[in-house]
Amino acid sequence: MGVPTVGCDCPVCTSTDPHDRRLRPSILLQWHDEQNAERAAVIDTGPDFREQALRAGLHRLDAVFYTHGHADHIFGLDDLRPLSFASARNGENIPLYAAPDTAEVLRRVYDYTFSPSAVYPMRARVRIEPVGEYASVHGVRFISVPIVHGTMTILGFRVGKIAYLTDVSEIPESSFPLLEGLDHVVLSALRHKPHPSHATVDQAVEWATRIGAGNTWFTHISHDLGHEETNRALPQGMALAYDGMTFSVNL
C-alpha cells in the first residue's frame, strides 16, 4: 500500500527518516548495448511509476517485464504512454513481457489499449509478448524464475548476477538452481507477522541465506518495518532497500 499508508499515524508512517517513505516496488535496469547505445528495462509498473520515472530521469524504455497482474504492479502501465510515443516515432512499440495469466489481466484492465476495436487515439504504443523461460533485450537475457505468491505462481527474474523476487510466499525447489552465483538478490519481506501470500522477514532471511548472494536487499516492505530499526537486526550483507537506491551489476 506504500508508506506512509493512507489513514495511518503509526511511528513508521509518521517517521521523518526519508528511507521510511516507500513507493510501490519496481526496478530499473540500464546498460549499453554492443553499439554503446543506452538501453533500459523496467520490472513492474505500479501506481507510482510516473513519479519513479521522473525521479530516475527516464527518457527511453526498451522493455517492461511483469511479475504478475496485481494492481500494485501494473497500475502504472498507462504512464508508459510518453515513453512509448518516442519509441513509436522509430517504428517500434515497447514490448511488455508477461506470463499468460498476467497478459490476460493486462488486456482486460487496459482494454482501451489492447482491444482490436480500441479507438482511443493516444493509447500507449505497447505490445504484449510471451516471456517463456527467458527473453532477450538488446543482448541482455531476462531469465524467468517461478515463485509462489499465495495461491498463484508468478515470476521473478534473473538478469546476469542479480535476481528480483517480489511478492514471494514460497520459492519452489526447482527455482533455487536459477539463483546460484548472484552478486545481488532483491527479495520481498513484508513484515514480521505471518501473511498468507507474502514472506515474513524471518522467511526472507532464511531464503537469502540459502541463496547466498553477496548482497540481499529486501523490498515490498509494509509500514510495520522501520528502516533503521529493522536494518540493525538483519544479518551482515542484508538490508532493507529504499526508494532511489542504485547499484552496479554484472549483466
C-alpha atoms as a PDB file:
ATOM      1  CA  MET A   1       0.000   0.000   0.000  1.00  0.00           C
ATOM      2  CA  GLY A   2       3.027   2.294   0.141  1.00  0.00           C
ATOM      3  CA  VAL A   3       4.398   4.131   3.167  1.00  0.00           C
ATOM      4  CA  PRO A   4       3.014   6.330   4.639  1.00  0.00           C
ATOM      5  CA  THR A   5      -0.124   4.231   4.372  1.00  0.00           C
ATOM      6  CA  VAL A   6      -3.340   6.174   3.842  1.00  0.00           C
ATOM      7  CA  GLY A   7      -5.101   6.906   7.124  1.00  0.00           C
ATOM      8  CA  CYS A   8      -2.278   5.636   9.365  1.00  0.00           C
ATOM      9  CA  ASP A   9      -0.337   7.557  12.008  1.00  0.00           C
ATOM     10  CA  CYS A  10       1.923   4.730  13.244  1.00  0.00           C
ATOM     11  CA  PRO A  11       5.596   5.505  14.063  1.00  0.00           C
ATOM     12  CA  VAL A  12       6.805   4.411  10.597  1.00  0.00           C
ATOM     13  CA  CYS A  13       4.125   6.323   8.685  1.00  0.00           C
ATOM     14  CA  THR A  14       4.960   9.472  10.663  1.00  0.00           C
ATOM     15  CA  SER A  15       8.731   8.921  10.587  1.00  0.00           C
ATOM     16  CA  THR A  16      10.976  11.770   9.451  1.00  0.00           C
ATOM     17  CA  ASP A  17      13.510   9.298   8.011  1.00  0.00           C
ATOM     18  CA  PRO A  18      13.258   9.599   4.200  1.00  0.00           C
ATOM     19  CA  HIS A  19      14.005   5.867   3.961  1.00  0.00           C
ATOM     20  CA  ASP A  20      10.586   5.253   5.523  1.00  0.00           C
ATOM     21  CA  ARG A  21       8.778   6.866   2.581  1.00  0.00           C
ATOM     22  CA  ARG A  22       8.190   3.999   0.155  1.00  0.00           C
ATOM     23  CA  LEU A  23       6.544   3.973  -3.237  1.00  0.00           C
ATOM     24  CA  ARG A  24       5.311   0.697  -4.680  1.00  0.00           C
ATOM     25  CA  PRO A  25       8.163  -1.629  -5.742  1.00  0.00           C
ATOM     26  CA  SER A  26       9.763  -1.589  -9.166  1.00  0.00           C
ATOM     27  CA  ILE A  27      13.309  -1.860 -10.514  1.00  0.00           C
ATOM     28  CA  LEU A  28      15.026  -0.148 -13.448  1.00  0.00           C
ATOM     29  CA  LEU A  29      17.970  -1.740 -15.245  1.00  0.00           C
ATOM     30  CA  GLN A  30      20.140   0.395 -17.528  1.00  0.00           C
ATOM     31  CA  TRP A  31      23.025  -0.705 -19.732  1.00  0.00           C
ATOM     32  CA  HIS A  32      24.837  -0.044 -23.015  1.00  0.00           C
ATOM     33  CA  ASP A  33      24.442  -2.483 -25.899  1.00  0.00           C
ATOM     34  CA  GLU A  34      27.177  -3.676 -28.251  1.00  0.00           C
ATOM     35  CA  GLN A  35      26.898  -0.431 -30.237  1.00  0.00           C
ATOM     36  CA  ASN A  36      27.204   1.536 -26.974  1.00  0.00           C
ATOM     37  CA  ALA A  37      23.603   2.713 -27.229  1.00  0.00           C
ATOM     38  CA  GLU A  38      21.810   3.334 -23.933  1.00  0.00           C
ATOM     39  CA  ARG A  39      19.191   0.715 -23.087  1.00  0.00           C
ATOM     40  CA  ALA A  40      16.678   0.413 -20.245  1.00  0.00           C
ATOM     41  CA  ALA A  41      14.128  -2.079 -18.957  1.00  0.00           C
ATOM     42  CA  VAL A  42      11.750  -1.996 -16.012  1.00  0.00           C
ATOM     43  CA  ILE A  43      10.277  -4.791 -13.934  1.00  0.00           C
ATOM     44  CA  ASP A  44       6.686  -3.843 -12.997  1.00  0.00           C
ATOM     45  CA  THR A  45       4.942  -0.506 -13.421  1.00  0.00           C
ATOM     46  CA  GLY A  46       2.993   0.090 -10.237  1.00  0.00           C
ATOM     47  CA  PRO A  47       0.729   3.053  -9.415  1.00  0.00           C
ATOM     48  CA  ASP A  48       3.799   5.167  -8.603  1.00  0.00           C
ATOM     49  CA  PHE A  49       5.609   4.530 -11.895  1.00  0.00           C
ATOM     50  CA  ARG A  50       5.195   8.105 -13.135  1.00  0.00           C
ATOM     51  CA  GLU A  51       6.882   9.541 -10.037  1.00  0.00           C
ATOM     52  CA  GLN A  52       9.614   6.893 -10.152  1.00  0.00           C
ATOM     53  CA  ALA A  53      10.340   7.543 -13.830  1.00  0.00           C
ATOM     54  CA  LEU A  54      10.578  11.287 -13.210  1.00  0.00           C
ATOM     55  CA  ARG A  55      12.929  10.797 -10.281  1.00  0.00           C
ATOM     56  CA  ALA A  56      15.136   8.499 -12.361  1.00  0.00           C
ATOM     57  CA  GLY A  57      15.192  10.896 -15.314  1.00  0.00           C
ATOM     58  CA  LEU A  58      13.895   8.140 -17.583  1.00  0.00           C
ATOM     59  CA  HIS A  59      13.710   9.194 -21.233  1.00  0.00           C
ATOM     60  CA  ARG A  60      13.566   5.865 -23.038  1.00  0.00           C
ATOM     61  CA  LEU A  61      12.430   2.327 -22.316  1.00  0.00           C
ATOM     62  CA  ASP A  62      13.173  -0.802 -24.311  1.00  0.00           C
ATOM     63  CA  ALA A  63      11.055  -3.338 -22.407  1.00  0.00           C
ATOM     64  CA  VAL A  64       8.856  -3.960 -19.387  1.00  0.00           C
ATOM     65  CA  PHE A  65       8.691  -7.271 -17.526  1.00  0.00           C
ATOM     66  CA  TYR A  66       5.698  -8.067 -15.330  1.00  0.00           C
ATOM     67  CA  THR A  67       5.845 -10.328 -12.302  1.00  0.00           C
ATOM     68  CA  HIS A  68       2.050 -10.688 -12.023  1.00  0.00           C
ATOM     69  CA  GLY A  69      -1.195  -8.830 -12.550  1.00  0.00           C
ATOM     70  CA  HIS A  70      -1.971  -7.270  -9.176  1.00  0.00           C
ATOM     71  CA  ALA A  71      -2.769  -3.567  -9.012  1.00  0.00           C
ATOM     72  CA  ASP A  72       0.406  -2.518  -7.191  1.00  0.00           C
ATOM     73  CA  HIS A  73       2.453  -3.979 -10.061  1.00  0.00           C
ATOM     74  CA  ILE A  74       0.504  -2.968 -13.191  1.00  0.00           C
ATOM     75  CA  PHE A  75      -1.457   0.217 -12.472  1.00  0.00           C
ATOM     76  CA  GLY A  76       1.236   2.488 -13.903  1.00  0.00           C
ATOM     77  CA  LEU A  77       1.093   0.960 -17.373  1.00  0.00           C
ATOM     78  CA  ASP A  78      -0.761   3.954 -18.780  1.00  0.00           C
ATOM     79  CA  ASP A  79       2.149   6.180 -17.754  1.00  0.00           C
ATOM     80  CA  LEU A  80       4.261   4.369 -20.339  1.00  0.00           C
ATOM     81  CA  ARG A  81       2.487   6.475 -22.961  1.00  0.00           C
ATOM     82  CA  PRO A  82       5.027   9.332 -23.350  1.00  0.00           C
ATOM     83  CA  LEU A  83       7.924   6.871 -23.448  1.00  0.00           C
ATOM     84  CA  SER A  84       6.064   4.727 -25.963  1.00  0.00           C
ATOM     85  CA  PHE A  85       5.335   7.703 -28.214  1.00  0.00           C
ATOM     86  CA  ALA A  86       9.079   8.283 -28.508  1.00  0.00           C
ATOM     87  CA  SER A  87       9.598   4.625 -29.432  1.00  0.00           C
ATOM     88  CA  ALA A  88       6.736   4.721 -31.924  1.00  0.00           C
ATOM     89  CA  ARG A  89       8.475   7.510 -33.835  1.00  0.00           C
ATOM     90  CA  ASN A  90      11.162   4.941 -34.584  1.00  0.00           C
ATOM     91  CA  GLY A  91       8.551   2.445 -35.720  1.00  0.00           C
ATOM     92  CA  GLU A  92       8.636   0.409 -32.507  1.00  0.00           C
ATOM     93  CA  ASN A  93       6.158  -0.491 -29.799  1.00  0.00           C
ATOM     94  CA  ILE A  94       7.518  -1.166 -26.307  1.00  0.00           C
ATOM     95  CA  PRO A  95       7.319  -4.925 -25.593  1.00  0.00           C
ATOM     96  CA  LEU A  96       5.607  -5.928 -22.355  1.00  0.00           C
ATOM     97  CA  TYR A  97       6.763  -9.394 -21.321  1.00  0.00           C
ATOM     98  CA  ALA A  98       4.210 -11.305 -19.260  1.00  0.00           C
ATOM     99  CA  ALA A  99       3.078 -14.825 -18.435  1.00  0.00           C
ATOM    100  CA  PRO A 100      -0.299 -15.820 -19.966  1.00  0.00           C
ATOM    101  CA  ASP A 101      -2.395 -15.130 -16.852  1.00  0.00           C
ATOM    102  CA  THR A 102      -0.764 -11.727 -16.381  1.00  0.00           C
ATOM    103  CA  ALA A 103      -1.211 -10.911 -20.062  1.00  0.00           C
ATOM    104  CA  GLU A 104      -4.918 -11.712 -19.713  1.00  0.00           C
ATOM    105  CA  VAL A 105      -5.218  -9.247 -16.824  1.00  0.00           C
ATOM    106  CA  LEU A 106      -3.395  -6.533 -18.773  1.00  0.00           C
ATOM    107  CA  ARG A 107      -5.690  -6.959 -21.765  1.00  0.00           C
ATOM    108  CA  ARG A 108      -8.788  -6.833 -19.577  1.00  0.00           C
ATOM    109  CA  VAL A 109      -7.800  -3.886 -17.394  1.00  0.00           C
ATOM    110  CA  TYR A 110      -6.358  -1.917 -20.325  1.00  0.00           C
ATOM    111  CA  ASP A 111      -8.991  -2.871 -22.875  1.00  0.00           C
ATOM    112  CA  TYR A 112      -8.841   0.625 -24.373  1.00  0.00           C
ATOM    113  CA  THR A 113      -5.175  -0.015 -25.175  1.00  0.00           C
ATOM    114  CA  PHE A 114      -5.159  -3.649 -26.325  1.00  0.00           C
ATOM    115  CA  SER A 115      -8.604  -4.337 -27.770  1.00  0.00           C
ATOM    116  CA  PRO A 116      -8.608  -4.792 -31.571  1.00  0.00           C
ATOM    117  CA  SER A 117     -11.552  -2.391 -31.632  1.00  0.00           C
ATOM    118  CA  ALA A 118      -9.865   0.249 -29.450  1.00  0.00           C
ATOM    119  CA  VAL A 119     -10.217   3.725 -30.931  1.00  0.00           C
ATOM    120  CA  TYR A 120      -8.597   5.865 -28.226  1.00  0.00           C
ATOM    121  CA  PRO A 121      -6.042   7.831 -30.279  1.00  0.00           C
ATOM    122  CA  MET A 122      -3.467   8.456 -27.525  1.00  0.00           C
ATOM    123  CA  ARG A 123      -3.185   4.919 -26.182  1.00  0.00           C
ATOM    124  CA  ALA A 124       0.228   3.584 -25.239  1.00  0.00           C
ATOM    125  CA  ARG A 125       2.268   2.182 -28.116  1.00  0.00           C
ATOM    126  CA  VAL A 126       2.996  -1.152 -26.492  1.00  0.00           C
ATOM    127  CA  ARG A 127       2.636  -4.825 -27.328  1.00  0.00           C
ATOM    128  CA  ILE A 128       2.358  -7.877 -25.084  1.00  0.00           C
ATOM    129  CA  GLU A 129       4.964 -10.575 -25.620  1.00  0.00           C
ATOM    130  CA  PRO A 130       5.209 -14.054 -24.025  1.00  0.00           C
ATOM    131  CA  VAL A 131       8.125 -14.234 -21.621  1.00  0.00           C
ATOM    132  CA  GLY A 132       8.734 -18.012 -21.615  1.00  0.00           C
ATOM    133  CA  GLU A 133      11.831 -19.315 -19.846  1.00  0.00           C
ATOM    134  CA  TYR A 134      13.698 -16.181 -20.844  1.00  0.00           C
ATOM    135  CA  ALA A 135      13.558 -13.146 -23.080  1.00  0.00           C
ATOM    136  CA  SER A 136      16.475 -11.210 -24.563  1.00  0.00           C
ATOM    137  CA  VAL A 137      16.505  -7.424 -24.770  1.00  0.00           C
ATOM    138  CA  HIS A 138      19.375  -5.902 -26.746  1.00  0.00           C
ATOM    139  CA  GLY A 139      21.861  -8.557 -25.683  1.00  0.00           C
ATOM    140  CA  VAL A 140      20.686  -8.965 -22.075  1.00  0.00           C
ATOM    141  CA  ARG A 141      18.846 -12.119 -21.042  1.00  0.00           C
ATOM    142  CA  PHE A 142      15.986 -11.906 -18.526  1.00  0.00           C
ATOM    143  CA  ILE A 143      15.504 -15.390 -17.074  1.00  0.00           C
ATOM    144  CA  SER A 144      12.109 -16.248 -15.566  1.00  0.00           C
ATOM    145  CA  VAL A 145      12.231 -17.565 -12.004  1.00  0.00           C
ATOM    146  CA  PRO A 146       8.899 -19.144 -10.940  1.00  0.00           C
ATOM    147  CA  ILE A 147       7.882 -18.287  -7.375  1.00  0.00           C
ATOM    148  CA  VAL A 148       4.687 -18.634  -5.342  1.00  0.00           C
ATOM    149  CA  HIS A 149       2.509 -15.715  -4.198  1.00  0.00           C
ATOM    150  CA  GLY A 150      -0.243 -17.156  -2.020  1.00  0.00           C
ATOM    151  CA  THR A 151      -2.172 -19.463  -4.354  1.00  0.00           C
ATOM    152  CA  MET A 152      -0.568 -18.044  -7.511  1.00  0.00           C
ATOM    153  CA  THR A 153       2.583 -18.949  -9.378  1.00  0.00           C
ATOM    154  CA  ILE A 154       4.175 -15.697 -10.504  1.00  0.00           C
ATOM    155  CA  LEU A 155       7.548 -14.701 -11.920  1.00  0.00           C
ATOM    156  CA  GLY A 156      10.741 -13.325 -10.540  1.00  0.00           C
ATOM    157  CA  PHE A 157      13.574 -12.527 -12.908  1.00  0.00           C
ATOM    158  CA  ARG A 158      17.318 -13.109 -13.037  1.00  0.00           C
ATOM    159  CA  VAL A 159      19.473 -10.774 -15.103  1.00  0.00           C
ATOM    160  CA  GLY A 160      23.172 -11.549 -15.087  1.00  0.00           C
ATOM    161  CA  LYS A 161      24.199 -11.703 -11.446  1.00  0.00           C
ATOM    162  CA  ILE A 162      21.126 -10.028  -9.991  1.00  0.00           C
ATOM    163  CA  ALA A 163      17.715 -11.553  -9.232  1.00  0.00           C
ATOM    164  CA  TYR A 164      14.491  -9.699  -8.437  1.00  0.00           C
ATOM    165  CA  LEU A 165      11.865 -11.667  -6.493  1.00  0.00           C
ATOM    166  CA  THR A 166       8.900  -9.764  -5.155  1.00  0.00           C
ATOM    167  CA  ASP A 167       5.598 -10.915  -3.579  1.00  0.00           C
ATOM    168  CA  VAL A 168       7.107 -14.227  -2.515  1.00  0.00           C
ATOM    169  CA  SER A 169       5.430 -16.625  -0.118  1.00  0.00           C
ATOM    170  CA  GLU A 170       7.368 -19.681  -1.292  1.00  0.00           C
ATOM    171  CA  ILE A 171      10.334 -20.419  -3.540  1.00  0.00           C
ATOM    172  CA  PRO A 172       9.955 -23.803  -5.257  1.00  0.00           C
ATOM    173  CA  GLU A 173      12.945 -26.128  -5.007  1.00  0.00           C
ATOM    174  CA  SER A 174      13.237 -26.107  -8.791  1.00  0.00           C
ATOM    175  CA  SER A 175      13.881 -22.344  -8.740  1.00  0.00           C
ATOM    176  CA  PHE A 176      16.843 -22.325  -6.361  1.00  0.00           C
ATOM    177  CA  PRO A 177      19.314 -23.541  -9.045  1.00  0.00           C
ATOM    178  CA  LEU A 178      18.363 -20.420 -11.056  1.00  0.00           C
ATOM    179  CA  LEU A 179      19.548 -18.278  -8.142  1.00  0.00           C
ATOM    180  CA  GLU A 180      23.124 -19.532  -7.785  1.00  0.00           C
ATOM    181  CA  GLY A 181      26.151 -17.283  -8.050  1.00  0.00           C
ATOM    182  CA  LEU A 182      24.383 -13.951  -7.531  1.00  0.00           C
ATOM    183  CA  ASP A 183      26.034 -10.690  -6.561  1.00  0.00           C
ATOM    184  CA  HIS A 184      22.667  -9.186  -5.578  1.00  0.00           C
ATOM    185  CA  VAL A 185      19.216 -10.530  -4.796  1.00  0.00           C
ATOM    186  CA  VAL A 186      16.229  -8.244  -4.276  1.00  0.00           C
ATOM    187  CA  LEU A 187      13.688 -10.184  -2.234  1.00  0.00           C
ATOM    188  CA  SER A 188      10.362  -9.220  -0.680  1.00  0.00           C
ATOM    189  CA  ALA A 189       9.960  -9.164   3.097  1.00  0.00           C
ATOM    190  CA  LEU A 190       6.604  -7.686   4.034  1.00  0.00           C
ATOM    191  CA  ARG A 191       6.664  -7.654   7.847  1.00  0.00           C
ATOM    192  CA  HIS A 192       7.344  -9.813  10.929  1.00  0.00           C
ATOM    193  CA  LYS A 193       3.763 -11.089  11.351  1.00  0.00           C
ATOM    194  CA  PRO A 194       2.866 -14.051   9.069  1.00  0.00           C
ATOM    195  CA  HIS A 195       0.879 -13.265   5.946  1.00  0.00           C
ATOM    196  CA  PRO A 196      -0.887 -15.774   3.661  1.00  0.00           C
ATOM    197  CA  SER A 197       0.736 -14.534   0.445  1.00  0.00           C
ATOM    198  CA  HIS A 198       3.929 -12.703   1.450  1.00  0.00           C
ATOM    199  CA  ALA A 199       7.160 -13.613   3.215  1.00  0.00           C
ATOM    200  CA  THR A 200       7.962 -12.509   6.727  1.00  0.00           C
ATOM    201  CA  VAL A 201      11.377 -11.029   7.463  1.00  0.00           C
ATOM    202  CA  ASP A 202      12.500 -14.326   9.028  1.00  0.00           C
ATOM    203  CA  GLN A 203      11.399 -16.332   5.979  1.00  0.00           C
ATOM    204  CA  ALA A 204      13.151 -13.917   3.636  1.00  0.00           C
ATOM    205  CA  VAL A 205      16.356 -14.056   5.697  1.00  0.00           C
ATOM    206  CA  GLU A 206      16.252 -17.855   5.579  1.00  0.00           C
ATOM    207  CA  TRP A 207      15.899 -17.873   1.788  1.00  0.00           C
ATOM    208  CA  ALA A 208      18.548 -15.186   1.395  1.00  0.00           C
ATOM    209  CA  THR A 209      20.983 -17.223   3.488  1.00  0.00           C
ATOM    210  CA  ARG A 210      20.392 -20.248   1.278  1.00  0.00           C
ATOM    211  CA  ILE A 211      20.728 -18.232  -1.940  1.00  0.00           C
ATOM    212  CA  GLY A 212      23.977 -16.777  -0.647  1.00  0.00           C
ATOM    213  CA  ALA A 213      24.157 -13.643  -2.785  1.00  0.00           C
ATOM    214  CA  GLY A 214      26.857 -11.135  -1.976  1.00  0.00           C
ATOM    215  CA  ASN A 215      24.164  -8.574  -1.115  1.00  0.00           C
ATOM    216  CA  THR A 216      20.493  -9.039  -0.240  1.00  0.00           C
ATOM    217  CA  TRP A 217      18.046  -6.131  -0.466  1.00  0.00           C
ATOM    218  CA  PHE A 218      14.563  -6.567   0.974  1.00  0.00           C
ATOM    219  CA  THR A 219      11.651  -4.868  -0.787  1.00  0.00           C
ATOM    220  CA  HIS A 220       7.824  -4.806  -0.805  1.00  0.00           C
ATOM    221  CA  ILE A 221       8.027  -3.587   2.799  1.00  0.00           C
ATOM    222  CA  SER A 222       4.954  -2.687   4.842  1.00  0.00           C
ATOM    223  CA  HIS A 223       4.652   0.093   7.403  1.00  0.00           C
ATOM    224  CA  ASP A 224       5.356  -2.479  10.135  1.00  0.00           C
ATOM    225  CA  LEU A 225       9.097  -2.214   9.430  1.00  0.00           C
ATOM    226  CA  GLY A 226      11.085   0.892  10.297  1.00  0.00           C
ATOM    227  CA  HIS A 227      14.187   1.251   8.143  1.00  0.00           C
ATOM    228  CA  GLU A 228      16.927   1.800  10.710  1.00  0.00           C
ATOM    229  CA  GLU A 229      15.444  -0.403  13.429  1.00  0.00           C
ATOM    230  CA  THR A 230      14.998  -3.328  11.052  1.00  0.00           C
ATOM    231  CA  ASN A 231      18.445  -2.966   9.496  1.00  0.00           C
ATOM    232  CA  ARG A 232      20.116  -3.159  12.908  1.00  0.00           C
ATOM    233  CA  ALA A 233      18.626  -6.621  13.429  1.00  0.00           C
ATOM    234  CA  LEU A 234      19.476  -8.059   9.997  1.00  0.00           C
ATOM    235  CA  PRO A 235      22.477 -10.310   9.277  1.00  0.00           C
ATOM    236  CA  GLN A 236      25.551  -8.859   7.614  1.00  0.00           C
ATOM    237  CA  GLY A 237      25.081  -8.377   3.881  1.00  0.00           C
ATOM    238  CA  MET A 238      21.308  -7.937   4.197  1.00  0.00           C
ATOM    239  CA  ALA A 239      19.382  -4.656   4.402  1.00  0.00           C
ATOM    240  CA  LEU A 240      16.089  -3.034   3.522  1.00  0.00           C
ATOM    241  CA  ALA A 241      16.028  -1.432   0.093  1.00  0.00           C
ATOM    242  CA  TYR A 242      14.907   2.172  -0.182  1.00  0.00           C
ATOM    243  CA  ASP A 243      13.413   4.357  -2.886  1.00  0.00           C
ATOM    244  CA  GLY A 244      16.027   5.612  -5.341  1.00  0.00           C
ATOM    245  CA  MET A 245      18.691   3.129  -4.284  1.00  0.00           C
ATOM    246  CA  THR A 246      21.152   2.308  -7.091  1.00  0.00           C
ATOM    247  CA  PHE A 247      23.981  -0.178  -7.526  1.00  0.00           C
ATOM    248  CA  SER A 248      26.059  -1.621 -10.350  1.00  0.00           C
ATOM    249  CA  VAL A 249      25.554  -5.185 -11.536  1.00  0.00           C
ATOM    250  CA  ASN A 250      27.282  -7.583 -13.907  1.00  0.00           C
ATOM    251  CA  LEU A 251      24.906  -8.299 -16.773  1.00  0.00           C
END
